[in-house]
Protein backbone atom coordinates (compact mmCIF):
# COMPACT_ATOMS: atom_id res chain seq x y z
CA MET A 1 -15.73 38.63 -43.36
CA GLN A 2 -13.79 36.11 -44.43
CA THR A 3 -12.34 33.21 -43.57
CA PHE A 4 -9.85 30.49 -44.33
CA VAL A 5 -9.25 26.42 -42.45
CA ALA A 6 -6.85 23.91 -43.58
CA ASN A 7 -7.87 20.64 -41.97
CA TYR A 8 -4.84 17.35 -42.19
CA VAL A 9 -6.02 14.57 -39.31
CA ASN A 10 -4.17 10.99 -40.58
CA GLY A 11 -4.78 7.47 -38.22
CA PRO A 12 -7.06 6.08 -35.60
CA PRO A 13 -7.79 8.58 -33.34
CA ASP A 14 -6.32 6.56 -30.54
CA ASP A 15 -2.83 7.80 -32.34
CA GLU A 16 -4.18 10.18 -34.14
CA LEU A 17 -2.02 13.81 -36.28
CA SER A 18 -3.89 16.45 -36.77
CA ALA A 19 -3.66 20.30 -37.91
CA LEU A 20 -5.17 23.27 -38.17
CA LEU A 21 -4.89 26.85 -41.09
CA TYR A 22 -6.65 29.51 -40.61
CA ALA A 23 -7.07 33.32 -42.05
CA SER A 24 -9.45 35.58 -41.40
CA HIS A 25 -10.38 39.23 -42.19
CA ASP A 26 -13.10 40.79 -41.13
CA VAL A 27 -14.34 44.92 -40.66
CA PHE A 28 -17.50 45.72 -37.53
CA SER A 29 -18.99 48.87 -37.76
CA ARG A 30 -21.63 49.36 -35.31
CA PHE A 31 -23.21 53.07 -34.94
CA SER A 32 -25.31 53.14 -31.78
CA ASP A 33 -27.88 55.06 -29.48
CA PHE A 34 -27.70 54.52 -26.20
CA GLY A 35 -29.08 58.74 -24.84
CA ALA A 36 -26.37 60.73 -25.62
CA GLY A 37 -26.33 60.54 -28.90
CA GLN A 38 -25.04 58.09 -31.68
CA ARG A 39 -21.97 56.98 -31.12
CA GLY A 40 -19.20 54.57 -33.78
CA GLN A 41 -17.73 51.55 -33.44
CA VAL A 42 -15.37 50.51 -36.32
CA GLU A 43 -13.34 47.95 -36.21
CA GLU A 44 -10.73 45.92 -38.85
CA ARG A 45 -9.25 42.45 -37.60
CA GLU A 46 -6.18 39.61 -39.53
CA THR A 47 -5.88 37.10 -37.64
CA VAL A 48 -4.01 34.44 -38.79
CA GLY A 49 -2.74 30.82 -37.40
CA GLY A 50 -2.64 26.79 -36.68
CA ARG A 51 -2.82 24.67 -33.98
CA ILE A 52 -1.11 21.38 -33.65
CA ARG A 53 -1.92 18.05 -31.89
CA LYS A 54 -0.75 13.94 -31.59
CA VAL A 55 -2.12 11.69 -28.72
CA TRP A 56 -1.01 8.30 -28.52
CA THR A 57 -2.17 4.90 -26.53
CA THR A 58 -0.49 3.11 -25.31
CA ASN A 59 0.46 0.48 -22.38
CA LEU A 60 3.86 1.25 -20.55
CA PHE A 61 6.24 -1.54 -18.95
CA ASP A 62 3.58 -3.18 -20.57
CA ALA A 63 0.96 -2.61 -18.34
CA LEU A 64 0.20 0.41 -17.68
CA PRO A 65 -2.82 1.50 -20.78
CA THR A 66 -1.92 5.03 -20.67
CA GLN A 67 -2.98 8.05 -24.01
CA ILE A 68 -0.77 10.87 -24.15
CA LEU A 69 -1.86 13.98 -25.64
CA VAL A 70 0.56 16.74 -26.64
CA GLY A 71 -0.06 19.37 -28.99
CA GLY A 72 0.05 23.31 -28.96
CA ASP A 73 -1.77 26.22 -30.60
CA TRP A 74 -0.20 29.89 -32.15
CA ARG A 75 -3.01 33.17 -33.00
CA THR A 76 -1.58 36.37 -34.01
CA ASP A 77 -4.24 39.28 -34.78
CA ALA A 78 -3.66 43.59 -36.27
CA LEU A 79 -6.76 45.30 -35.60
CA ASP A 80 -7.35 49.44 -36.06
CA VAL A 81 -9.69 50.18 -33.66
CA ASN A 82 -11.83 53.24 -34.02
CA THR A 83 -14.51 54.97 -31.21
CA GLY A 84 -16.24 58.37 -30.65
CA PRO A 85 -19.09 59.86 -31.82
CA THR A 86 -20.70 59.66 -35.23
CA VAL A 87 -23.32 62.07 -37.00
CA ALA A 88 -25.28 60.22 -39.82
CA ARG A 89 -22.37 57.59 -39.17
CA SER A 90 -19.40 59.62 -39.27
CA PHE A 91 -17.11 60.43 -36.34
CA THR A 92 -16.61 63.64 -35.55
CA ALA A 93 -14.13 62.86 -33.36
CA ARG A 94 -12.48 59.80 -31.26
CA SER A 95 -12.13 58.49 -28.49
CA LEU A 96 -10.40 55.07 -28.93
CA ASP A 97 -7.48 55.93 -32.27
CA LEU A 98 -5.43 51.74 -31.98
CA ASP A 99 -3.42 50.21 -34.07
CA ILE A 100 -3.27 46.90 -32.11
CA LEU A 101 -0.72 43.72 -32.44
CA GLN A 102 -0.84 40.45 -30.57
CA HIS A 103 0.00 37.31 -30.08
CA ASN A 104 -1.00 33.88 -28.52
CA LEU A 105 1.63 30.71 -28.23
CA ALA A 106 0.86 27.91 -26.20
CA ALA A 107 1.17 24.77 -25.16
CA TYR A 108 -0.18 21.37 -23.41
CA ALA A 109 0.34 17.83 -22.66
CA GLN A 110 -2.48 15.27 -21.65
CA VAL A 111 -1.88 11.86 -20.11
CA GLN A 112 -4.95 9.24 -18.77
CA VAL A 113 -4.23 6.41 -17.35
CA LYS A 114 -5.87 3.32 -16.13
CA PRO A 115 -3.70 1.73 -13.54
CA VAL A 116 -7.03 -0.67 -12.56
CA PRO A 117 -10.42 -1.19 -15.04
CA TRP A 118 -12.79 0.44 -12.62
CA LEU A 119 -10.15 3.78 -12.63
CA LYS A 120 -9.34 5.92 -15.12
CA LEU A 121 -7.11 9.57 -13.75
CA THR A 122 -6.14 12.15 -16.29
CA GLY A 123 -4.17 14.82 -15.53
CA GLY A 124 -2.95 17.96 -17.66
CA ALA A 125 -1.25 21.64 -18.34
CA ARG A 126 -1.85 24.51 -21.19
CA PHE A 127 0.80 26.82 -20.57
CA ASP A 128 -0.15 30.89 -22.71
CA GLN A 129 2.31 33.07 -23.25
CA PHE A 130 1.07 37.07 -24.71
CA PHE A 131 2.45 39.52 -26.87
CA TYR A 132 0.91 42.87 -27.15
CA ASP A 133 2.44 45.54 -29.40
CA VAL A 134 -0.50 48.59 -28.65
CA ARG A 135 -0.38 51.92 -30.75
CA ASN A 136 -2.51 54.13 -29.47
CA ASN A 137 -2.35 57.48 -31.45
CA LEU A 138 -4.25 59.38 -29.27
CA ASP A 139 -1.74 59.40 -26.32
CA PRO A 140 1.47 57.92 -27.27
CA ALA A 141 2.10 57.55 -22.84
CA LEU A 142 -0.84 54.89 -23.22
CA SER A 143 0.41 52.86 -26.18
CA PRO A 144 1.28 49.48 -23.43
CA LYS A 145 3.25 46.63 -24.73
CA VAL A 146 3.26 43.93 -22.18
CA SER A 147 3.57 40.59 -22.05
CA PRO A 148 2.36 38.10 -19.15
CA ASN A 149 1.54 34.61 -19.90
CA VAL A 150 -0.46 31.73 -17.30
CA VAL A 151 -0.40 28.30 -16.69
CA SER A 152 -3.37 26.44 -16.57
CA PRO A 153 -3.26 23.05 -14.68
CA LYS A 154 -6.25 20.34 -14.80
CA GLY A 155 -7.16 17.07 -13.24
CA GLY A 156 -9.78 15.29 -12.86
CA ALA A 157 -10.63 10.80 -11.66
CA ALA A 158 -13.51 8.09 -13.01
CA LEU A 159 -14.63 5.40 -11.49
CA THR A 160 -17.45 2.43 -12.51
CA PRO A 161 -16.92 -0.50 -9.66
CA VAL A 162 -19.96 -2.41 -11.76
CA ASP A 163 -20.76 -1.86 -15.10
CA TRP A 164 -24.23 0.90 -14.25
CA LEU A 165 -21.90 3.62 -11.94
CA GLU A 166 -19.61 5.79 -12.74
CA LEU A 167 -18.31 8.99 -10.75
CA PHE A 168 -16.09 11.50 -11.69
CA ALA A 169 -14.64 14.81 -9.46
CA ASN A 170 -12.60 16.32 -11.87
CA PHE A 171 -10.83 20.11 -11.36
CA GLY A 172 -9.62 22.72 -13.47
CA GLN A 173 -8.39 26.40 -14.07
CA GLY A 174 -9.28 28.31 -17.08
CA PHE A 175 -7.99 31.67 -17.75
CA ARG A 176 -9.53 35.25 -20.26
CA SER A 177 -6.78 37.24 -21.74
CA PRO A 178 -7.04 41.46 -20.91
CA SER A 179 -8.61 42.72 -23.70
CA ALA A 180 -5.67 45.04 -25.32
CA SER A 181 -8.85 48.34 -26.31
CA SER A 182 -10.62 47.98 -23.43
CA GLU A 183 -8.72 47.21 -20.35
CA LEU A 184 -4.55 47.43 -20.88
CA THR A 185 -4.67 50.61 -22.32
CA GLY A 186 -5.94 52.13 -18.89
CA ASN A 187 -3.75 49.62 -16.91
CA PRO A 188 -0.82 47.53 -18.42
CA ARG A 189 -0.25 45.68 -15.20
CA LEU A 190 -3.52 43.61 -15.90
CA VAL A 191 -2.60 39.76 -16.12
CA PRO A 192 -5.36 37.23 -17.46
CA LEU A 193 -7.55 35.97 -14.79
CA THR A 194 -7.19 33.15 -13.59
CA ILE A 195 -11.49 30.98 -13.10
CA GLU A 196 -10.77 27.73 -11.36
CA SER A 197 -13.97 25.08 -11.25
CA THR A 198 -14.43 22.00 -10.04
CA GLU A 199 -16.81 19.43 -10.12
CA GLY A 200 -18.39 15.74 -9.18
CA GLY A 201 -21.09 13.65 -9.97
CA GLY A 202 -22.60 10.54 -11.77
CA ARG A 203 -23.69 8.23 -14.14
CA LEU A 204 -26.66 5.31 -13.84
CA VAL A 205 -25.89 3.91 -16.78
CA PHE A 206 -28.74 1.06 -17.82
CA GLU A 207 -29.68 -0.34 -21.46
CA ARG A 208 -32.45 1.88 -22.55
CA PHE A 209 -32.40 4.81 -19.39
CA SER A 210 -29.26 6.17 -17.68
CA LEU A 211 -29.46 9.23 -15.63
CA LEU A 212 -26.69 12.27 -14.43
CA GLY A 213 -25.96 14.46 -11.87
CA THR A 214 -23.94 17.30 -11.60
CA VAL A 215 -22.73 20.01 -8.73
CA PHE A 216 -19.70 22.83 -9.55
CA PHE A 217 -18.19 25.27 -7.85
CA THR A 218 -16.48 27.91 -10.40
CA ASP A 219 -14.10 30.67 -8.97
CA ILE A 220 -13.15 34.09 -10.71
CA ALA A 221 -10.98 36.49 -10.20
CA ASN A 222 -12.70 39.25 -11.65
CA GLU A 223 -15.26 39.18 -12.94
CA VAL A 224 -16.01 41.72 -15.79
CA PHE A 225 -19.66 43.00 -17.50
CA GLN A 226 -20.59 44.57 -20.02
CA PRO A 227 -24.42 46.04 -20.35
CA ALA A 228 -23.73 46.18 -24.43
CA LEU A 229 -21.79 45.72 -26.96
CA GLY A 230 -20.02 48.42 -26.98
CA LEU A 231 -20.07 50.13 -23.31
CA PRO A 232 -17.40 50.15 -21.31
CA VAL A 233 -16.00 46.30 -19.93
CA GLN A 234 -16.94 47.02 -16.56
CA ASN A 235 -14.71 45.16 -13.70
CA LEU A 236 -17.22 43.84 -9.93
CA GLY A 237 -14.56 41.53 -8.25
CA LYS A 238 -14.20 38.02 -7.58
CA SER A 239 -17.79 36.23 -8.23
CA ARG A 240 -18.80 32.18 -7.56
CA ARG A 241 -21.06 30.43 -9.19
CA ASP A 242 -22.57 27.67 -7.34
CA GLY A 243 -24.67 25.26 -9.05
CA PHE A 244 -25.85 21.07 -10.62
CA GLU A 245 -27.42 19.21 -13.22
CA ILE A 246 -29.73 16.77 -13.60
CA GLU A 247 -30.69 14.78 -16.94
CA ALA A 248 -32.23 11.47 -17.67
CA ARG A 249 -32.01 9.80 -20.79
CA MET A 250 -34.40 6.98 -22.14
CA LEU A 251 -34.13 5.04 -25.44
CA ALA A 252 -38.21 4.64 -26.57
CA TYR A 253 -37.54 3.19 -29.36
CA ARG A 254 -34.54 1.15 -31.57
CA GLU A 255 -34.50 -1.64 -34.36
CA GLY A 256 -31.38 -1.48 -36.31
CA LEU A 257 -30.03 1.74 -37.19
CA ASN A 258 -32.93 2.93 -35.88
CA ARG A 259 -33.90 5.53 -32.32
CA VAL A 260 -35.55 7.24 -30.93
CA ALA A 261 -34.58 8.97 -27.67
CA LEU A 262 -36.63 11.62 -24.94
CA PHE A 263 -34.39 13.46 -22.59
CA ALA A 264 -35.11 15.92 -19.75
CA ASN A 265 -32.27 18.47 -17.82
CA TYR A 266 -32.62 20.73 -15.49
CA SER A 267 -29.59 23.00 -14.56
CA GLY A 268 -29.58 25.69 -11.43
CA VAL A 269 -26.82 28.53 -10.75
CA SER A 270 -26.64 31.07 -7.55
CA ALA A 271 -23.90 33.30 -8.97
CA ARG A 272 -22.78 36.05 -6.63
CA LEU A 273 -19.78 38.51 -6.05
CA LEU A 274 -18.04 37.90 -2.96
CA ASN A 275 -16.74 41.06 -1.92
CA GLY A 276 -19.87 43.02 -3.06
CA VAL A 277 -21.93 43.38 0.08
CA PRO A 278 -25.01 44.06 -0.98
CA SER A 279 -25.08 43.94 -4.19
CA VAL A 280 -23.64 40.72 -4.95
CA PHE A 281 -25.25 39.50 -7.82
CA ILE A 282 -24.18 39.07 -10.82
CA PRO A 283 -26.17 39.76 -13.23
CA ASN A 284 -27.97 39.04 -16.80
CA VAL A 285 -26.70 35.12 -15.62
CA PRO A 286 -30.70 33.05 -15.52
CA ALA A 287 -31.50 31.27 -12.27
CA TYR A 288 -31.78 27.87 -14.32
CA LEU A 289 -32.33 26.51 -17.76
CA ALA A 290 -35.09 23.78 -17.66
CA THR A 291 -35.00 21.19 -21.01
CA VAL A 292 -37.00 18.51 -22.34
CA GLY A 293 -37.06 16.97 -26.38
CA ALA A 294 -36.90 14.45 -28.03
CA GLU A 295 -34.22 13.17 -30.90
CA PHE A 296 -34.30 10.93 -33.05
CA ASP A 297 -32.22 9.51 -36.09
CA ILE A 298 -34.45 6.05 -38.80
CA GLY A 299 -34.44 5.18 -42.49
CA ALA A 300 -36.03 7.80 -44.46
CA PRO A 301 -39.58 6.67 -46.56
CA ALA A 302 -38.01 4.64 -49.87
CA ALA A 303 -40.01 6.53 -51.49
CA LEU A 304 -37.35 9.34 -51.08
CA ALA A 305 -34.53 7.03 -51.72
CA PRO A 306 -33.83 3.80 -50.25
CA GLY A 307 -30.73 4.16 -47.91
CA GLY A 308 -32.00 8.07 -46.61
CA ARG A 309 -31.86 9.00 -43.66
CA LEU A 310 -34.01 11.38 -41.49
CA THR A 311 -32.14 13.36 -38.93
CA GLY A 312 -34.04 15.02 -35.91
CA ALA A 313 -34.71 17.05 -32.80
CA ALA A 314 -36.44 18.84 -30.96
CA TYR A 315 -37.21 20.73 -26.86
CA LEU A 316 -38.75 23.09 -25.04
CA SER A 317 -36.92 24.96 -22.90
CA PHE A 318 -37.36 27.23 -19.50
CA ILE A 319 -34.54 30.08 -19.30
CA GLY A 320 -35.03 31.94 -15.92
CA ALA A 321 -34.32 35.12 -14.25
CA LYS A 322 -31.75 37.17 -14.32
CA PRO A 323 -30.71 39.55 -12.36
CA LEU A 324 -30.19 42.95 -14.36
CA THR A 325 -28.04 44.26 -11.32
CA GLU A 326 -26.00 43.62 -8.81
CA ASP A 327 -28.71 44.67 -6.21
CA GLY A 328 -31.10 42.07 -7.42
CA VAL A 329 -34.37 44.90 -6.83
CA LEU A 330 -34.57 44.38 -11.18
CA ARG A 331 -35.18 40.79 -12.79
CA SER A 332 -36.03 40.00 -16.55
CA SER A 333 -38.88 37.72 -16.66
CA PRO A 334 -38.20 33.94 -16.98
CA TYR A 335 -39.56 32.24 -20.41
CA PRO A 336 -39.64 29.86 -23.43
CA ARG A 337 -38.36 28.58 -25.95
CA LEU A 338 -39.05 26.13 -28.49
CA SER A 339 -36.36 25.01 -31.39
CA GLY A 340 -36.65 22.21 -33.10
CA ARG A 341 -34.32 20.61 -36.59
CA ILE A 342 -34.64 18.43 -39.38
CA ALA A 343 -32.20 16.97 -42.14
CA TYR A 344 -32.68 15.11 -44.58
CA VAL A 345 -29.66 12.76 -45.60
CA HIS A 346 -29.84 11.48 -48.45
CA PRO A 347 -27.42 8.59 -50.14
CA SER A 348 -25.54 10.29 -52.21
CA GLY A 349 -24.13 12.80 -50.59
CA ARG A 350 -26.51 15.51 -49.86
CA THR A 351 -28.18 16.93 -47.07
CA ILE A 352 -31.52 18.72 -46.93
CA TYR A 353 -31.69 20.48 -43.17
CA GLY A 354 -34.90 23.39 -41.61
CA GLN A 355 -34.55 24.80 -38.20
CA ALA A 356 -36.11 27.00 -36.48
CA THR A 357 -36.94 29.04 -33.25
CA TRP A 358 -39.97 30.14 -31.43
CA TYR A 359 -41.03 32.05 -28.79
CA PRO A 360 -44.79 31.29 -27.87
CA GLY A 361 -44.37 33.56 -24.25
CA ASP A 362 -42.14 36.74 -23.58
CA ARG A 363 -39.60 37.55 -26.40
CA THR A 364 -38.11 40.26 -24.67
CA SER A 365 -36.55 38.40 -21.63
CA GLU A 366 -33.50 37.07 -23.81
CA SER A 367 -31.89 40.37 -24.99
CA ILE A 368 -32.34 42.34 -21.59
CA PHE A 369 -29.43 45.69 -20.82
CA ASN A 370 -29.10 47.62 -18.25
CA PHE A 371 -27.52 51.45 -19.27
CA GLY A 372 -28.14 52.40 -16.07
CA SER A 373 -25.95 51.77 -12.98
CA PRO A 374 -25.16 48.00 -12.78
CA VAL A 375 -25.17 48.61 -8.39
CA SER A 376 -28.92 49.85 -8.82
CA ALA A 377 -30.28 51.25 -11.78
CA VAL A 378 -34.44 52.06 -12.64
CA ALA A 379 -36.16 50.36 -14.95
CA ALA A 380 -36.32 53.53 -16.62
CA GLU A 381 -32.84 52.39 -17.61
CA ILE A 382 -32.98 48.74 -18.16
CA PHE A 383 -33.48 47.76 -22.58
CA THR A 384 -34.81 45.43 -24.37
CA SER A 385 -33.92 43.96 -27.62
CA PRO A 386 -37.01 41.84 -28.67
CA GLN A 387 -36.75 38.32 -30.42
CA PRO A 388 -39.11 37.25 -33.83
CA ARG A 389 -41.96 35.20 -32.86
CA LEU A 390 -40.75 32.29 -35.02
CA THR A 391 -37.12 32.90 -37.17
CA LEU A 392 -36.79 29.70 -39.88
CA LEU A 393 -33.40 28.47 -41.61
CA ALA A 394 -33.09 25.86 -44.85
CA GLY A 395 -30.35 25.21 -46.13
CA LEU A 396 -28.70 22.18 -48.05
CA ALA A 397 -26.03 20.62 -48.05
CA TYR A 398 -23.49 18.22 -51.03
CA GLY A 399 -20.45 16.64 -49.48
CA PHE A 400 -17.69 14.63 -52.40
CA ALA A 401 -15.38 11.95 -52.55
CA THR A 402 -11.70 13.06 -51.79
CA GLY A 403 -10.27 9.53 -53.07
CA ALA A 404 -8.99 9.45 -49.60
CA PRO A 405 -9.28 5.71 -48.21
CA PRO A 406 -12.04 6.09 -45.02
CA ARG A 407 -11.39 6.22 -41.29
């Protein structure tokens, strides 16, 4: 993979003009055997794109605090896709041989207003236009050239009746664009699938303690499931996720710029297929996620360097069981995961960092795959890719002055 990224930023955050330009080239080659012989998947992709965004913060009519955001996105992908049976990583035939050119142009806008000091209203929308041009070298008749589009609105409100209480409600609509290689060749009329989500909740904020509670409901027009990379994409139909999240955070220590915070959160979700009775479970969605941990940002000992900083975090997560089939008979096991990171920031701009992930118990449930029927597979069709017991990463970063004035 080769990647190039350029960023431009001008002005303070409340009146910022920003732009992004990127380009990348990558070659993806994967050979696997799921029990029916080795198969290969080789893709070469070139991507170029960019984004521009402008923010204005003002008082409309000299009385109404308002922030307006407008922007646009552009992305173009050109890719070659080849899949088929292989022997010793050499193709013996082709099941897919595609040349794809696809473009995505988008424009979006958002407005936030505060008609009174204790109420903030948000509204916005995004329009996406897609252009797909697929050349099927195996069957030219299945070479779609289509241009679907989708509009995604959103809105929200936040109320602060007293300093220590904030209430909020949000609605948003997103989408999943169809895959040119795995979906459009078989169904050229497929349009972007909508995802609607609604949430509401509140937050208590005190000097050293905060408590957040949220409930959410998400509807997906067509749940998409892929048991493992390289296997066919399956459309499971309409689905709904109902869930909640609770998070508590406490500032255990604070002196000057130094701080140590403790936190704990728990989220639970019920993920169901709406038209699949009696097969109602969405595979691979954990029933809950619980995390406890601590984070810190303190001055480093003077022996290291005056003005240096030590930052880091450590947290223990418990991930719940997830169904592996739509009937829910086969499930993974719940498992814990311990993660941590630490960094030393030198006044000169150098940063030394390290991080670790440790699985003290089950290592097989995080990456687990059903190669059988999505409705009623048997245990012999469930495979896993165990996680390493311990993973360590360390590195060095260096930042340097560019001559631009500090923001």
